[in-house]
Amino acid sequence: MKAEPRRDGLRAKEEQIETLMSLVPQEDSINGPWTQDATNAQNAGMAAIYALRTKLLGDPQEAAWAARVAYEALDNFVINSEDIDRNVRGAELRVLAHPLVQAELARQLSDIQDLKMHASEPVPTAVARVRTRATSDANRFLRP
């Protein structure tokens, strides 16, 4: 008996997630000291996994976790690039006030508002619009 196409697609996505999980760096899998590059690779891998899980499960919590990983990656970047001591009073406010963090939070809010405003449209249309905006935002966001 042949497997249903939907079930085959589900299994393929589950296998993609398992493969991605095996590629995400863990502290005990790194030879040598844990580096910022390892942290960045871990964050990128986890964001991709949450995005796939969002598609697979249709659970908005997975999308929220992907957004959280993006925020935490930026938080970490700002702390390291600005040499912010998290133990100093007001450190978290400095991080939150940083232009890159504010841009990321504004981008995430924009995505949420956009999805709410177009809640009745087909998912592929909404995804295409958000993806186009993300690409455009990245060009502005990543330029010095």
N, C-alpha and C. Protein backbone atom coordinates (compact mmCIF):
# COMPACT_ATOMS: atom_id res chain seq x y z
N MET A 1 0.84 -1.18 0.00
CA MET A 1 0.00 0.00 0.00
C MET A 1 0.88 1.24 0.00
N LYS A 2 0.54 2.20 -0.82
CA LYS A 2 1.33 3.40 -0.98
C LYS A 2 0.96 4.43 0.09
N ALA A 3 1.97 5.13 0.63
CA ALA A 3 1.73 6.14 1.65
C ALA A 3 1.04 7.35 1.02
N GLU A 4 0.23 8.02 1.83
CA GLU A 4 -0.45 9.22 1.35
C GLU A 4 0.58 10.32 1.09
N PRO A 5 0.38 11.13 0.03
CA PRO A 5 1.34 12.21 -0.27
C PRO A 5 1.51 13.18 0.90
N ARG A 6 0.42 13.51 1.60
CA ARG A 6 0.52 14.44 2.73
C ARG A 6 1.39 13.86 3.83
N ARG A 7 1.22 12.58 4.12
CA ARG A 7 2.01 11.93 5.17
C ARG A 7 3.48 11.85 4.75
N ASP A 8 3.73 11.60 3.45
CA ASP A 8 5.11 11.58 2.94
C ASP A 8 5.74 12.96 3.10
N GLY A 9 4.99 14.02 2.79
CA GLY A 9 5.49 15.38 2.95
C GLY A 9 5.78 15.71 4.40
N LEU A 10 4.91 15.25 5.28
CA LEU A 10 5.10 15.46 6.72
C LEU A 10 6.36 14.77 7.19
N ARG A 11 6.55 13.54 6.75
CA ARG A 11 7.76 12.78 7.14
C ARG A 11 9.02 13.45 6.59
N ALA A 12 8.94 13.97 5.37
CA ALA A 12 10.10 14.66 4.79
C ALA A 12 10.47 15.88 5.62
N LYS A 13 9.46 16.64 6.06
CA LYS A 13 9.74 17.81 6.90
C LYS A 13 10.32 17.39 8.25
N GLU A 14 9.78 16.32 8.82
CA GLU A 14 10.32 15.82 10.09
C GLU A 14 11.78 15.42 9.93
N GLU A 15 12.11 14.80 8.80
CA GLU A 15 13.50 14.41 8.53
C GLU A 15 14.39 15.63 8.35
N GLN A 16 13.85 16.69 7.70
CA GLN A 16 14.62 17.93 7.56
C GLN A 16 14.92 18.52 8.94
N ILE A 17 13.93 18.51 9.80
CA ILE A 17 14.12 19.04 11.15
C ILE A 17 15.16 18.22 11.91
N GLU A 18 15.07 16.91 11.81
CA GLU A 18 16.06 16.05 12.48
C GLU A 18 17.47 16.32 11.95
N THR A 19 17.59 16.48 10.63
CA THR A 19 18.90 16.77 10.04
C THR A 19 19.42 18.11 10.54
N LEU A 20 18.55 19.13 10.52
CA LEU A 20 18.97 20.44 11.03
C LEU A 20 19.40 20.37 12.49
N MET A 21 18.63 19.65 13.30
CA MET A 21 18.96 19.52 14.73
C MET A 21 20.36 18.93 14.90
N SER A 22 20.71 17.97 14.07
CA SER A 22 22.03 17.33 14.19
C SER A 22 23.15 18.28 13.78
N LEU A 23 22.83 19.33 13.00
CA LEU A 23 23.83 20.28 12.53
C LEU A 23 24.01 21.50 13.44
N VAL A 24 23.07 21.70 14.34
CA VAL A 24 23.15 22.86 15.22
C VAL A 24 24.25 22.64 16.25
N PRO A 25 25.22 23.55 16.31
CA PRO A 25 26.32 23.38 17.26
C PRO A 25 25.82 23.38 18.71
N GLN A 26 26.39 22.51 19.49
CA GLN A 26 26.15 22.45 20.93
C GLN A 26 27.49 22.62 21.62
N GLU A 27 27.48 23.17 22.82
CA GLU A 27 28.75 23.44 23.50
C GLU A 27 29.62 22.20 23.64
N ASP A 28 29.00 21.05 23.86
CA ASP A 28 29.79 19.83 24.05
C ASP A 28 30.26 19.22 22.72
N SER A 29 29.81 19.79 21.59
CA SER A 29 30.22 19.24 20.29
C SER A 29 31.31 20.08 19.61
N ILE A 30 31.71 21.16 20.25
CA ILE A 30 32.72 22.05 19.67
C ILE A 30 34.09 21.67 20.22
N ASN A 31 35.03 21.48 19.30
CA ASN A 31 36.41 21.25 19.72
C ASN A 31 37.05 22.61 19.97
N GLY A 32 37.36 22.90 21.20
CA GLY A 32 37.93 24.19 21.55
C GLY A 32 36.90 25.07 22.21
N PRO A 33 37.23 26.34 22.35
CA PRO A 33 36.33 27.26 23.06
C PRO A 33 35.09 27.60 22.24
N TRP A 34 33.99 27.85 22.94
CA TRP A 34 32.75 28.30 22.32
C TRP A 34 32.98 29.74 21.84
N THR A 35 32.64 30.03 20.61
CA THR A 35 32.91 31.34 20.02
C THR A 35 31.62 32.05 19.63
N GLN A 36 31.74 33.31 19.26
CA GLN A 36 30.60 34.06 18.76
C GLN A 36 30.08 33.43 17.47
N ASP A 37 30.98 32.93 16.64
CA ASP A 37 30.55 32.25 15.41
C ASP A 37 29.70 31.02 15.73
N ALA A 38 30.08 30.28 16.76
CA ALA A 38 29.29 29.10 17.17
C ALA A 38 27.91 29.54 17.66
N THR A 39 27.87 30.62 18.42
CA THR A 39 26.59 31.15 18.89
C THR A 39 25.73 31.57 17.72
N ASN A 40 26.33 32.26 16.75
CA ASN A 40 25.58 32.70 15.56
C ASN A 40 25.05 31.50 14.77
N ALA A 41 25.88 30.48 14.61
CA ALA A 41 25.45 29.28 13.89
C ALA A 41 24.32 28.58 14.64
N GLN A 42 24.43 28.53 15.95
CA GLN A 42 23.38 27.90 16.75
C GLN A 42 22.06 28.68 16.61
N ASN A 43 22.13 30.00 16.68
CA ASN A 43 20.92 30.81 16.54
C ASN A 43 20.29 30.65 15.15
N ALA A 44 21.11 30.66 14.11
CA ALA A 44 20.59 30.51 12.75
C ALA A 44 19.92 29.15 12.58
N GLY A 45 20.57 28.12 13.08
CA GLY A 45 20.00 26.77 12.98
C GLY A 45 18.68 26.65 13.72
N MET A 46 18.63 27.21 14.93
CA MET A 46 17.40 27.12 15.72
C MET A 46 16.27 27.92 15.06
N ALA A 47 16.58 29.08 14.49
CA ALA A 47 15.55 29.86 13.81
C ALA A 47 14.98 29.08 12.62
N ALA A 48 15.86 28.41 11.87
CA ALA A 48 15.41 27.60 10.73
C ALA A 48 14.54 26.43 11.21
N ILE A 49 14.93 25.82 12.30
CA ILE A 49 14.15 24.70 12.85
C ILE A 49 12.77 25.18 13.29
N TYR A 50 12.73 26.29 14.00
CA TYR A 50 11.42 26.81 14.43
C TYR A 50 10.55 27.18 13.24
N ALA A 51 11.15 27.73 12.19
CA ALA A 51 10.39 28.07 10.98
C ALA A 51 9.82 26.81 10.33
N LEU A 52 10.63 25.77 10.22
CA LEU A 52 10.13 24.51 9.65
C LEU A 52 9.04 23.90 10.53
N ARG A 53 9.24 23.98 11.83
CA ARG A 53 8.24 23.43 12.75
C ARG A 53 6.94 24.24 12.66
N THR A 54 7.04 25.54 12.43
CA THR A 54 5.84 26.35 12.26
C THR A 54 5.05 25.83 11.06
N LYS A 55 5.76 25.58 9.97
CA LYS A 55 5.10 25.08 8.76
C LYS A 55 4.54 23.68 9.00
N LEU A 56 5.30 22.85 9.68
CA LEU A 56 4.91 21.47 9.91
C LEU A 56 3.72 21.36 10.85
N LEU A 57 3.76 22.09 11.96
CA LEU A 57 2.75 21.96 13.00
C LEU A 57 1.64 22.99 12.92
N GLY A 58 1.93 24.12 12.24
CA GLY A 58 0.94 25.18 12.20
C GLY A 58 0.75 25.85 13.55
N ASP A 59 1.74 25.71 14.43
CA ASP A 59 1.65 26.25 15.78
C ASP A 59 2.31 27.63 15.82
N PRO A 60 1.56 28.69 16.11
CA PRO A 60 2.15 30.02 16.14
C PRO A 60 3.25 30.17 17.20
N GLN A 61 3.24 29.32 18.22
CA GLN A 61 4.29 29.39 19.24
C GLN A 61 5.66 29.13 18.62
N GLU A 62 5.71 28.26 17.63
CA GLU A 62 6.98 27.98 16.95
C GLU A 62 7.50 29.25 16.26
N ALA A 63 6.59 30.01 15.63
CA ALA A 63 6.98 31.26 14.98
C ALA A 63 7.45 32.27 16.03
N ALA A 64 6.79 32.29 17.17
CA ALA A 64 7.21 33.20 18.25
C ALA A 64 8.62 32.84 18.72
N TRP A 65 8.92 31.55 18.81
CA TRP A 65 10.27 31.15 19.23
C TRP A 65 11.31 31.54 18.18
N ALA A 66 10.96 31.45 16.91
CA ALA A 66 11.88 31.89 15.85
C ALA A 66 12.17 33.38 16.01
N ALA A 67 11.13 34.17 16.28
CA ALA A 67 11.32 35.61 16.50
C ALA A 67 12.16 35.86 17.74
N ARG A 68 11.96 35.06 18.76
CA ARG A 68 12.73 35.21 20.00
C ARG A 68 14.22 34.92 19.75
N VAL A 69 14.50 33.91 18.96
CA VAL A 69 15.89 33.60 18.62
C VAL A 69 16.52 34.78 17.89
N ALA A 70 15.79 35.40 16.96
CA ALA A 70 16.31 36.57 16.23
C ALA A 70 16.62 37.70 17.21
N TYR A 71 15.70 37.94 18.15
CA TYR A 71 15.94 38.99 19.14
C TYR A 71 17.16 38.66 20.00
N GLU A 72 17.25 37.44 20.48
CA GLU A 72 18.36 37.06 21.35
C GLU A 72 19.70 37.12 20.63
N ALA A 73 19.71 36.79 19.35
CA ALA A 73 20.95 36.90 18.58
C ALA A 73 21.40 38.35 18.50
N LEU A 74 20.46 39.25 18.27
CA LEU A 74 20.79 40.67 18.22
C LEU A 74 21.19 41.19 19.58
N ASP A 75 20.50 40.78 20.61
CA ASP A 75 20.83 41.15 21.98
C ASP A 75 22.28 40.76 22.28
N ASN A 76 22.63 39.54 21.93
CA ASN A 76 23.99 39.05 22.16
C ASN A 76 25.00 39.84 21.34
N PHE A 77 24.67 40.13 20.10
CA PHE A 77 25.55 40.91 19.23
C PHE A 77 25.81 42.29 19.83
N VAL A 78 24.75 42.96 20.27
CA VAL A 78 24.90 44.31 20.82
C VAL A 78 25.72 44.27 22.10
N ILE A 79 25.47 43.32 22.97
CA ILE A 79 26.23 43.21 24.21
C ILE A 79 27.72 43.05 23.91
N ASN A 80 28.04 42.19 22.95
CA ASN A 80 29.44 41.96 22.62
C ASN A 80 30.07 43.12 21.85
N SER A 81 29.37 43.66 20.88
CA SER A 81 29.97 44.72 20.06
C SER A 81 30.09 46.04 20.82
N GLU A 82 29.19 46.27 21.76
CA GLU A 82 29.24 47.51 22.55
C GLU A 82 29.95 47.30 23.89
N ASP A 83 30.42 46.06 24.11
CA ASP A 83 31.12 45.71 25.36
C ASP A 83 30.30 46.11 26.58
N ILE A 84 29.05 45.67 26.61
CA ILE A 84 28.13 46.00 27.69
C ILE A 84 28.24 44.94 28.79
N ASP A 85 28.50 45.39 29.99
CA ASP A 85 28.55 44.51 31.16
C ASP A 85 27.12 44.35 31.67
N ARG A 86 26.57 43.16 31.54
CA ARG A 86 25.18 42.93 31.93
C ARG A 86 24.93 43.08 33.42
N ASN A 87 25.99 43.10 34.20
CA ASN A 87 25.85 43.25 35.64
C ASN A 87 25.75 44.71 36.08
N VAL A 88 26.01 45.63 35.17
CA VAL A 88 25.94 47.04 35.48
C VAL A 88 24.49 47.51 35.37
N ARG A 89 24.09 48.31 36.32
CA ARG A 89 22.72 48.83 36.32
C ARG A 89 22.44 49.59 35.01
N GLY A 90 21.32 49.32 34.40
CA GLY A 90 20.92 49.98 33.16
C GLY A 90 21.44 49.29 31.91
N ALA A 91 22.17 48.20 32.08
CA ALA A 91 22.75 47.52 30.92
C ALA A 91 21.66 47.03 29.95
N GLU A 92 20.61 46.43 30.49
CA GLU A 92 19.56 45.91 29.61
C GLU A 92 18.85 47.04 28.88
N LEU A 93 18.69 48.18 29.56
CA LEU A 93 18.08 49.33 28.89
C LEU A 93 18.95 49.83 27.75
N ARG A 94 20.27 49.79 27.92
CA ARG A 94 21.19 50.17 26.83
C ARG A 94 21.01 49.25 25.64
N VAL A 95 20.88 47.95 25.92
CA VAL A 95 20.69 46.98 24.84
C VAL A 95 19.36 47.24 24.14
N LEU A 96 18.30 47.40 24.92
CA LEU A 96 16.98 47.63 24.33
C LEU A 96 16.91 48.91 23.52
N ALA A 97 17.66 49.92 23.93
CA ALA A 97 17.64 51.21 23.24
C ALA A 97 18.51 51.22 21.98
N HIS A 98 19.34 50.21 21.79
CA HIS A 98 20.25 50.19 20.65
C HIS A 98 19.44 50.20 19.35
N PRO A 99 19.88 50.96 18.36
CA PRO A 99 19.12 51.06 17.10
C PRO A 99 18.87 49.72 16.40
N LEU A 100 19.82 48.81 16.45
CA LEU A 100 19.60 47.50 15.80
C LEU A 100 18.49 46.72 16.51
N VAL A 101 18.49 46.75 17.83
CA VAL A 101 17.45 46.04 18.59
C VAL A 101 16.10 46.68 18.32
N GLN A 102 16.05 48.01 18.33
CA GLN A 102 14.79 48.69 18.06
C GLN A 102 14.29 48.39 16.65
N ALA A 103 15.20 48.33 15.69
CA ALA A 103 14.80 48.00 14.31
C ALA A 103 14.23 46.59 14.24
N GLU A 104 14.84 45.64 14.93
CA GLU A 104 14.34 44.26 14.92
C GLU A 104 12.97 44.17 15.57
N LEU A 105 12.80 44.82 16.72
CA LEU A 105 11.50 44.79 17.40
C LEU A 105 10.42 45.46 16.55
N ALA A 106 10.78 46.55 15.89
CA ALA A 106 9.82 47.23 15.00
C ALA A 106 9.46 46.33 13.82
N ARG A 107 10.45 45.63 13.27
CA ARG A 107 10.20 44.71 12.16
C ARG A 107 9.25 43.60 12.58
N GLN A 108 9.48 43.04 13.76
CA GLN A 108 8.62 41.96 14.24
C GLN A 108 7.20 42.46 14.48
N LEU A 109 7.07 43.65 15.05
CA LEU A 109 5.74 44.24 15.27
C LEU A 109 5.05 44.48 13.92
N SER A 110 5.79 44.96 12.95
CA SER A 110 5.24 45.18 11.62
C SER A 110 4.73 43.89 11.00
N ASP A 111 5.48 42.80 11.17
CA ASP A 111 5.03 41.50 10.65
C ASP A 111 3.72 41.07 11.32
N ILE A 112 3.64 41.22 12.63
CA ILE A 112 2.43 40.82 13.36
C ILE A 112 1.24 41.66 12.89
N GLN A 113 1.43 42.97 12.81
CA GLN A 113 0.34 43.85 12.37
C GLN A 113 -0.09 43.52 10.94
N ASP A 114 0.86 43.24 10.08
CA ASP A 114 0.56 42.89 8.70
C ASP A 114 -0.26 41.60 8.64
N LEU A 115 0.16 40.61 9.39
CA LEU A 115 -0.55 39.33 9.37
C LEU A 115 -1.97 39.46 9.95
N LYS A 116 -2.12 40.28 10.97
CA LYS A 116 -3.46 40.52 11.53
C LYS A 116 -4.35 41.23 10.50
N MET A 117 -3.79 42.24 9.84
CA MET A 117 -4.57 43.04 8.89
C MET A 117 -5.02 42.19 7.70
N HIS A 118 -4.23 41.20 7.32
CA HIS A 118 -4.55 40.37 6.16
C HIS A 118 -4.87 38.93 6.58
N ALA A 119 -5.51 38.78 7.70
CA ALA A 119 -5.75 37.45 8.27
C ALA A 119 -6.58 36.54 7.37
N SER A 120 -7.41 37.11 6.51
CA SER A 120 -8.29 36.28 5.70
C SER A 120 -7.68 35.86 4.36
N GLU A 121 -6.50 36.38 4.03
CA GLU A 121 -5.92 36.04 2.74
C GLU A 121 -5.24 34.67 2.79
N PRO A 122 -4.99 34.07 1.64
CA PRO A 122 -4.32 32.77 1.61
C PRO A 122 -2.92 32.88 2.21
N VAL A 123 -2.52 31.84 2.91
CA VAL A 123 -1.22 31.82 3.59
C VAL A 123 -0.06 32.09 2.62
N PRO A 124 -0.03 31.45 1.44
CA PRO A 124 1.09 31.72 0.53
C PRO A 124 1.22 33.20 0.15
N THR A 125 0.11 33.89 0.02
CA THR A 125 0.14 35.32 -0.32
C THR A 125 0.74 36.11 0.83
N ALA A 126 0.32 35.82 2.05
CA ALA A 126 0.85 36.52 3.23
C ALA A 126 2.34 36.23 3.39
N VAL A 127 2.72 34.99 3.22
CA VAL A 127 4.14 34.62 3.37
C VAL A 127 4.98 35.34 2.32
N ALA A 128 4.50 35.40 1.09
CA ALA A 128 5.25 36.07 0.02
C ALA A 128 5.43 37.55 0.34
N ARG A 129 4.39 38.19 0.86
CA ARG A 129 4.48 39.61 1.18
C ARG A 129 5.47 39.85 2.33
N VAL A 130 5.37 39.04 3.38
CA VAL A 130 6.28 39.19 4.53
C VAL A 130 7.72 38.90 4.09
N ARG A 131 7.90 37.88 3.25
CA ARG A 131 9.25 37.54 2.77
C ARG A 131 9.84 38.68 1.94
N THR A 132 9.02 39.28 1.07
CA THR A 132 9.50 40.40 0.25
C THR A 132 9.91 41.57 1.14
N ARG A 133 9.09 41.87 2.14
CA ARG A 133 9.43 42.96 3.05
C ARG A 133 10.69 42.64 3.85
N ALA A 134 10.82 41.38 4.29
CA ALA A 134 12.01 40.98 5.05
C ALA A 134 13.27 41.14 4.22
N THR A 135 13.19 40.80 2.95
CA THR A 135 14.35 40.94 2.06
C THR A 135 14.71 42.42 1.91
N SER A 136 13.71 43.24 1.70
CA SER A 136 13.93 44.67 1.56
C SER A 136 14.49 45.26 2.87
N ASP A 137 13.90 44.86 3.99
CA ASP A 137 14.36 45.35 5.30
C ASP A 137 15.79 44.92 5.57
N ALA A 138 16.14 43.71 5.18
CA ALA A 138 17.50 43.21 5.42
C ALA A 138 18.52 44.07 4.70
N ASN A 139 18.20 44.50 3.50
CA ASN A 139 19.13 45.36 2.75
C ASN A 139 19.39 46.67 3.49
N ARG A 140 18.37 47.24 4.10
CA ARG A 140 18.53 48.47 4.87
C ARG A 140 19.16 48.17 6.24
N PHE A 141 18.71 47.11 6.86
CA PHE A 141 19.11 46.75 8.22
C PHE A 141 20.60 46.41 8.30
N LEU A 142 21.11 45.73 7.31
CA LEU A 142 22.48 45.24 7.36
C LEU A 142 23.50 46.21 6.79
N ARG A 143 23.06 47.29 6.22
CA ARG A 143 24.00 48.29 5.71
C ARG A 143 24.48 49.18 6.85
N PRO A 144 25.77 49.56 6.84
CA PRO A 144 26.25 50.43 7.92
C PRO A 144 25.62 51.80 7.89
